[in-house]
PDB file of N, CA and C in Angstrom:
ATOM      1  N   LEU A   1       0.868  -1.154   0.017  1.00  0.00           N
ATOM      2  CA  LEU A   1       0.063  -0.186   0.020  1.00  0.00           C
ATOM      3  C   LEU A   1       0.911   1.213  -0.065  1.00  0.00           C
ATOM      4  N   THR A   2       0.434   2.258  -0.717  1.00  0.00           N
ATOM      5  CA  THR A   2       1.126   3.432  -0.772  1.00  0.00           C
ATOM      6  C   THR A   2       0.213   4.700  -0.400  1.00  0.00           C
ATOM      7  N   GLY A   3       0.764   5.538   0.251  1.00  0.00           N
ATOM      8  CA  GLY A   3      -0.107   6.733   0.629  1.00  0.00           C
ATOM      9  C   GLY A   3       0.096   7.813  -0.568  1.00  0.00           C
ATOM     10  N   GLY A   4      -0.588   9.029  -0.323  1.00  0.00           N
ATOM     11  CA  GLY A   4      -0.460  10.002  -1.285  1.00  0.00           C
ATOM     12  C   GLY A   4      -1.707  10.215  -2.146  1.00  0.00           C
ATOM     13  N   GLY A   5      -1.650  11.191  -2.974  1.00  0.00           N
ATOM     14  CA  GLY A   5      -2.885  11.518  -3.867  1.00  0.00           C
ATOM     15  C   GLY A   5      -4.011  12.157  -3.153  1.00  0.00           C
ATOM     16  N   TYR A   6      -3.622  12.893  -2.024  1.00  0.00           N
ATOM     17  CA  TYR A   6      -4.730  13.464  -1.261  1.00  0.00           C
ATOM     18  C   TYR A   6      -5.332  14.684  -1.841  1.00  0.00           C
ATOM     19  N   GLY A   7      -4.500  15.406  -2.532  1.00  0.00           N
ATOM     20  CA  GLY A   7      -4.907  16.706  -3.250  1.00  0.00           C
ATOM     21  C   GLY A   7      -5.560  17.670  -2.275  1.00  0.00           C
ATOM     22  N   GLY A   8      -6.668  18.119  -2.529  1.00  0.00           N
ATOM     23  CA  GLY A   8      -7.364  19.080  -1.550  1.00  0.00           C
ATOM     24  C   GLY A   8      -8.186  18.455  -0.524  1.00  0.00           C
ATOM     25  N   ASP A   9      -8.016  17.286  -0.219  1.00  0.00           N
ATOM     26  CA  ASP A   9      -8.891  16.681   0.770  1.00  0.00           C
ATOM     27  C   ASP A   9      -8.679  17.292   2.074  1.00  0.00           C
ATOM     28  N   THR A  10      -9.718  17.587   2.760  1.00  0.00           N
ATOM     29  CA  THR A  10      -9.683  18.354   4.053  1.00  0.00           C
ATOM     30  C   THR A  10      -9.513  17.276   5.275  1.00  0.00           C
ATOM     31  N   ASN A  11      -9.500  16.057   4.842  1.00  0.00           N
ATOM     32  CA  ASN A  11      -9.627  15.052   5.948  1.00  0.00           C
ATOM     33  C   ASN A  11      -8.251  14.108   5.835  1.00  0.00           C
ATOM     34  N   VAL A  12      -7.226  14.881   5.530  1.00  0.00           N
ATOM     35  CA  VAL A  12      -5.933  14.180   5.297  1.00  0.00           C
ATOM     36  C   VAL A  12      -5.428  13.274   6.465  1.00  0.00           C
ATOM     37  N   THR A  13      -5.587  13.942   7.743  1.00  0.00           N
ATOM     38  CA  THR A  13      -5.003  13.079   8.803  1.00  0.00           C
ATOM     39  C   THR A  13      -6.014  11.797   9.131  1.00  0.00           C
ATOM     40  N   GLY A  14      -7.273  11.887   8.827  1.00  0.00           N
ATOM     41  CA  GLY A  14      -8.030  10.673   8.972  1.00  0.00           C
ATOM     42  C   GLY A  14      -7.606   9.643   8.036  1.00  0.00           C
ATOM     43  N   ASP A  15      -7.441  10.019   6.736  1.00  0.00           N
ATOM     44  CA  ASP A  15      -6.989   9.149   5.714  1.00  0.00           C
ATOM     45  C   ASP A  15      -5.650   8.448   6.168  1.00  0.00           C
ATOM     46  N   ILE A  16      -4.702   9.344   6.674  1.00  0.00           N
ATOM     47  CA  ILE A  16      -3.389   8.791   6.950  1.00  0.00           C
ATOM     48  C   ILE A  16      -3.538   7.722   8.094  1.00  0.00           C
ATOM     49  N   LYS A  17      -4.377   8.054   9.096  1.00  0.00           N
ATOM     50  CA  LYS A  17      -4.610   7.102  10.277  1.00  0.00           C
ATOM     51  C   LYS A  17      -5.103   5.821   9.642  1.00  0.00           C
ATOM     52  N   ASN A  18      -6.027   5.844   8.743  1.00  0.00           N
ATOM     53  CA  ASN A  18      -6.676   4.646   8.194  1.00  0.00           C
ATOM     54  C   ASN A  18      -5.573   3.758   7.349  1.00  0.00           C
ATOM     55  N   ILE A  19      -4.832   4.424   6.521  1.00  0.00           N
ATOM     56  CA  ILE A  19      -3.737   3.831   5.696  1.00  0.00           C
ATOM     57  C   ILE A  19      -2.885   3.220   6.766  1.00  0.00           C
ATOM     58  N   GLY A  20      -2.475   3.926   7.958  1.00  0.00           N
ATOM     59  CA  GLY A  20      -1.397   3.267   8.770  1.00  0.00           C
ATOM     60  C   GLY A  20      -1.950   2.016   9.375  1.00  0.00           C
ATOM     61  N   THR A  21      -3.247   2.144   9.777  1.00  0.00           N
ATOM     62  CA  THR A  21      -3.884   0.873  10.381  1.00  0.00           C
ATOM     63  C   THR A  21      -3.925  -0.257   9.409  1.00  0.00           C
ATOM     64  N   GLN A  22      -4.192   0.034   8.081  1.00  0.00           N
ATOM     65  CA  GLN A  22      -4.176  -1.078   7.062  1.00  0.00           C
ATOM     66  C   GLN A  22      -2.820  -1.610   6.905  1.00  0.00           C
ATOM     67  N   ASN A  23      -1.865  -0.738   7.001  1.00  0.00           N
ATOM     68  CA  ASN A  23      -0.535  -1.342   6.777  1.00  0.00           C
ATOM     69  C   ASN A  23      -0.079  -2.195   7.905  1.00  0.00           C
ATOM     70  N   ILE A  24      -0.358  -1.710   9.183  1.00  0.00           N
ATOM     71  CA  ILE A  24       0.002  -2.424  10.334  1.00  0.00           C
ATOM     72  C   ILE A  24      -0.770  -3.971  10.313  1.00  0.00           C
ATOM     73  N   ASN A  25      -2.115  -3.755   9.975  1.00  0.00           N
ATOM     74  CA  ASN A  25      -2.680  -5.102   9.893  1.00  0.00           C
ATOM     75  C   ASN A  25      -2.019  -6.048   8.813  1.00  0.00           C
ATOM     76  N   MET A  26      -1.647  -5.539   7.617  1.00  0.00           N
ATOM     77  CA  MET A  26      -1.009  -6.414   6.835  1.00  0.00           C
ATOM     78  C   MET A  26       0.246  -6.943   7.304  1.00  0.00           C
ATOM     79  N   ASN A  27       1.031  -6.289   8.030  1.00  0.00           N
ATOM     80  CA  ASN A  27       2.239  -6.516   8.607  1.00  0.00           C
ATOM     81  C   ASN A  27       2.031  -7.660   9.609  1.00  0.00           C
ATOM     82  N   ILE A  28       1.023  -7.489  10.466  1.00  0.00           N
ATOM     83  CA  ILE A  28       0.712  -8.464  11.523  1.00  0.00           C
ATOM     84  C   ILE A  28       0.450  -9.787  10.775  1.00  0.00           C
ATOM     85  N   TYR A  29      -0.324  -9.870   9.637  1.00  0.00           N
ATOM     86  CA  TYR A  29      -0.840 -10.978   8.973  1.00  0.00           C
ATOM     87  C   TYR A  29       0.401 -11.912   8.625  1.00  0.00           C
ATOM     88  N   VAL A  30       1.548 -11.375   8.348  1.00  0.00           N
ATOM     89  CA  VAL A  30       2.662 -12.067   7.855  1.00  0.00           C
ATOM     90  C   VAL A  30       3.706 -12.381   9.057  1.00  0.00           C
ATOM     91  N   GLN A  31       3.398 -12.075  10.168  1.00  0.00           N
ATOM     92  CA  GLN A  31       4.357 -12.167  11.354  1.00  0.00           C
ATOM     93  C   GLN A  31       3.944 -13.518  12.009  1.00  0.00           C
ATOM     94  N   ASP A  32       4.985 -13.883  12.827  1.00  0.00           N
ATOM     95  CA  ASP A  32       4.739 -14.980  13.858  1.00  0.00           C
ATOM     96  C   ASP A  32       3.646 -14.691  14.639  1.00  0.00           C
ATOM     97  N   LYS A  33       2.792 -15.812  14.998  1.00  0.00           N
ATOM     98  CA  LYS A  33       1.525 -15.591  15.754  1.00  0.00           C
ATOM     99  C   LYS A  33       1.700 -15.014  17.015  1.00  0.00           C
ATOM    100  N   GLU A  34       2.690 -15.310  17.793  1.00  0.00           N
ATOM    101  CA  GLU A  34       2.837 -14.757  19.211  1.00  0.00           C
ATOM    102  C   GLU A  34       3.328 -13.336  19.005  1.00  0.00           C
ATOM    103  N   MET A  35       4.196 -13.051  18.054  1.00  0.00           N
ATOM    104  CA  MET A  35       4.515 -11.585  17.849  1.00  0.00           C
ATOM    105  C   MET A  35       3.343 -10.745  17.384  1.00  0.00           C
ATOM    106  N   ALA A  36       2.486 -11.416  16.555  1.00  0.00           N
ATOM    107  CA  ALA A  36       1.368 -10.663  16.210  1.00  0.00           C
ATOM    108  C   ALA A  36       0.466 -10.310  17.227  1.00  0.00           C
ATOM    109  N   LYS A  37       0.267 -11.179  18.231  1.00  0.00           N
ATOM    110  CA  LYS A  37      -0.587 -10.945  19.391  1.00  0.00           C
ATOM    111  C   LYS A  37      -0.029  -9.835  20.068  1.00  0.00           C
ATOM    112  N   GLU A  38       1.284  -9.554  20.326  1.00  0.00           N
ATOM    113  CA  GLU A  38       1.794  -8.542  21.022  1.00  0.00           C
ATOM    114  C   GLU A  38       1.590  -7.238  20.134  1.00  0.00           C
ATOM    115  N   ILE A  39       1.820  -7.272  18.876  1.00  0.00           N
ATOM    116  CA  ILE A  39       1.535  -6.173  17.972  1.00  0.00           C
ATOM    117  C   ILE A  39       0.208  -5.666  18.099  1.00  0.00           C
ATOM    118  N   ILE A  40      -0.698  -6.557  17.878  1.00  0.00           N
ATOM    119  CA  ILE A  40      -2.094  -6.315  17.928  1.00  0.00           C
ATOM    120  C   ILE A  40      -2.560  -5.748  19.264  1.00  0.00           C
ATOM    121  N   LYS A  41      -1.937  -6.235  20.443  1.00  0.00           N
ATOM    122  CA  LYS A  41      -2.254  -5.697  21.630  1.00  0.00           C
ATOM    123  C   LYS A  41      -1.833  -4.140  21.802  1.00  0.00           C
ATOM    124  N   ASN A  42      -0.537  -3.968  21.266  1.00  0.00           N
ATOM    125  CA  ASN A  42      -0.083  -2.523  21.295  1.00  0.00           C
ATOM    126  C   ASN A  42      -0.802  -1.683  20.209  1.00  0.00           C
ATOM    127  N   VAL A  43      -1.298  -2.175  19.086  1.00  0.00           N
ATOM    128  CA  VAL A  43      -2.043  -1.331  18.194  1.00  0.00           C
ATOM    129  C   VAL A  43      -3.478  -1.035  18.734  1.00  0.00           C
ATOM    130  N   ASP A  44      -3.987  -1.981  19.423  1.00  0.00           N
ATOM    131  CA  ASP A  44      -5.297  -1.673  20.120  1.00  0.00           C
ATOM    132  C   ASP A  44      -5.143  -0.672  21.224  1.00  0.00           C
ATOM    133  N   GLU A  45      -4.074  -0.621  21.948  1.00  0.00           N
ATOM    134  CA  GLU A  45      -3.847   0.355  22.921  1.00  0.00           C
ATOM    135  C   GLU A  45      -3.599   1.715  22.226  1.00  0.00           C
ATOM    136  N   GLN A  46      -2.854   1.810  21.035  1.00  0.00           N
ATOM    137  CA  GLN A  46      -2.709   3.013  20.442  1.00  0.00           C
ATOM    138  C   GLN A  46      -3.968   3.518  19.741  1.00  0.00           C
ATOM    139  N   ALA A  47      -4.768   2.549  19.203  1.00  0.00           N
ATOM    140  CA  ALA A  47      -6.111   2.995  18.605  1.00  0.00           C
ATOM    141  C   ALA A  47      -7.009   3.660  19.695  1.00  0.00           C
ATOM    142  N   THR A  48      -6.999   3.030  20.861  1.00  0.00           N
ATOM    143  CA  THR A  48      -7.707   3.693  21.988  1.00  0.00           C
ATOM    144  C   THR A  48      -7.210   4.953  22.305  1.00  0.00           C
ATOM    145  N   ALA A  49      -5.875   5.172  22.432  1.00  0.00           N
ATOM    146  CA  ALA A  49      -5.326   6.453  22.770  1.00  0.00           C
ATOM    147  C   ALA A  49      -5.627   7.462  21.746  1.00  0.00           C
ATOM    148  N   SER A  50      -5.640   7.020  20.500  1.00  0.00           N
ATOM    149  CA  SER A  50      -5.979   7.865  19.362  1.00  0.00           C
ATOM    150  C   SER A  50      -7.350   8.329  19.374  1.00  0.00           C
ATOM    151  N   ALA A  51      -8.246   7.401  19.678  1.00  0.00           N
ATOM    152  CA  ALA A  51      -9.702   7.716  19.758  1.00  0.00           C
ATOM    153  C   ALA A  51      -9.928   8.767  20.789  1.00  0.00           C
ATOM    154  N   GLU A  52      -9.259   8.467  22.120  1.00  0.00           N
ATOM    155  CA  GLU A  52      -9.498   9.337  23.069  1.00  0.00           C
ATOM    156  C   GLU A  52      -8.949  10.756  22.839  1.00  0.00           C
ATOM    157  N   ALA A  53      -7.776  10.830  22.186  1.00  0.00           N
ATOM    158  CA  ALA A  53      -7.044  12.127  21.825  1.00  0.00           C
ATOM    159  C   ALA A  53      -7.805  12.811  20.732  1.00  0.00           C
ATOM    160  N   GLY A  54      -8.364  12.026  19.678  1.00  0.00           N
ATOM    161  CA  GLY A  54      -9.039  12.636  18.655  1.00  0.00           C
ATOM    162  C   GLY A  54     -10.300  13.114  18.871  1.00  0.00           C
TER     163      GLY A  54
END
């Protein structure tokens, strides 16, 4: 996945967050299962923090 091509979109930060999440999920998919669990836990915590902050 590649980012970019936003042009005049006023919701660029939202798009970047979504793209980042997609990339992280794809990376988890190809990782060792135990490592993926740790990454998913961290992502969940970050997503919660982002939701609270945003």
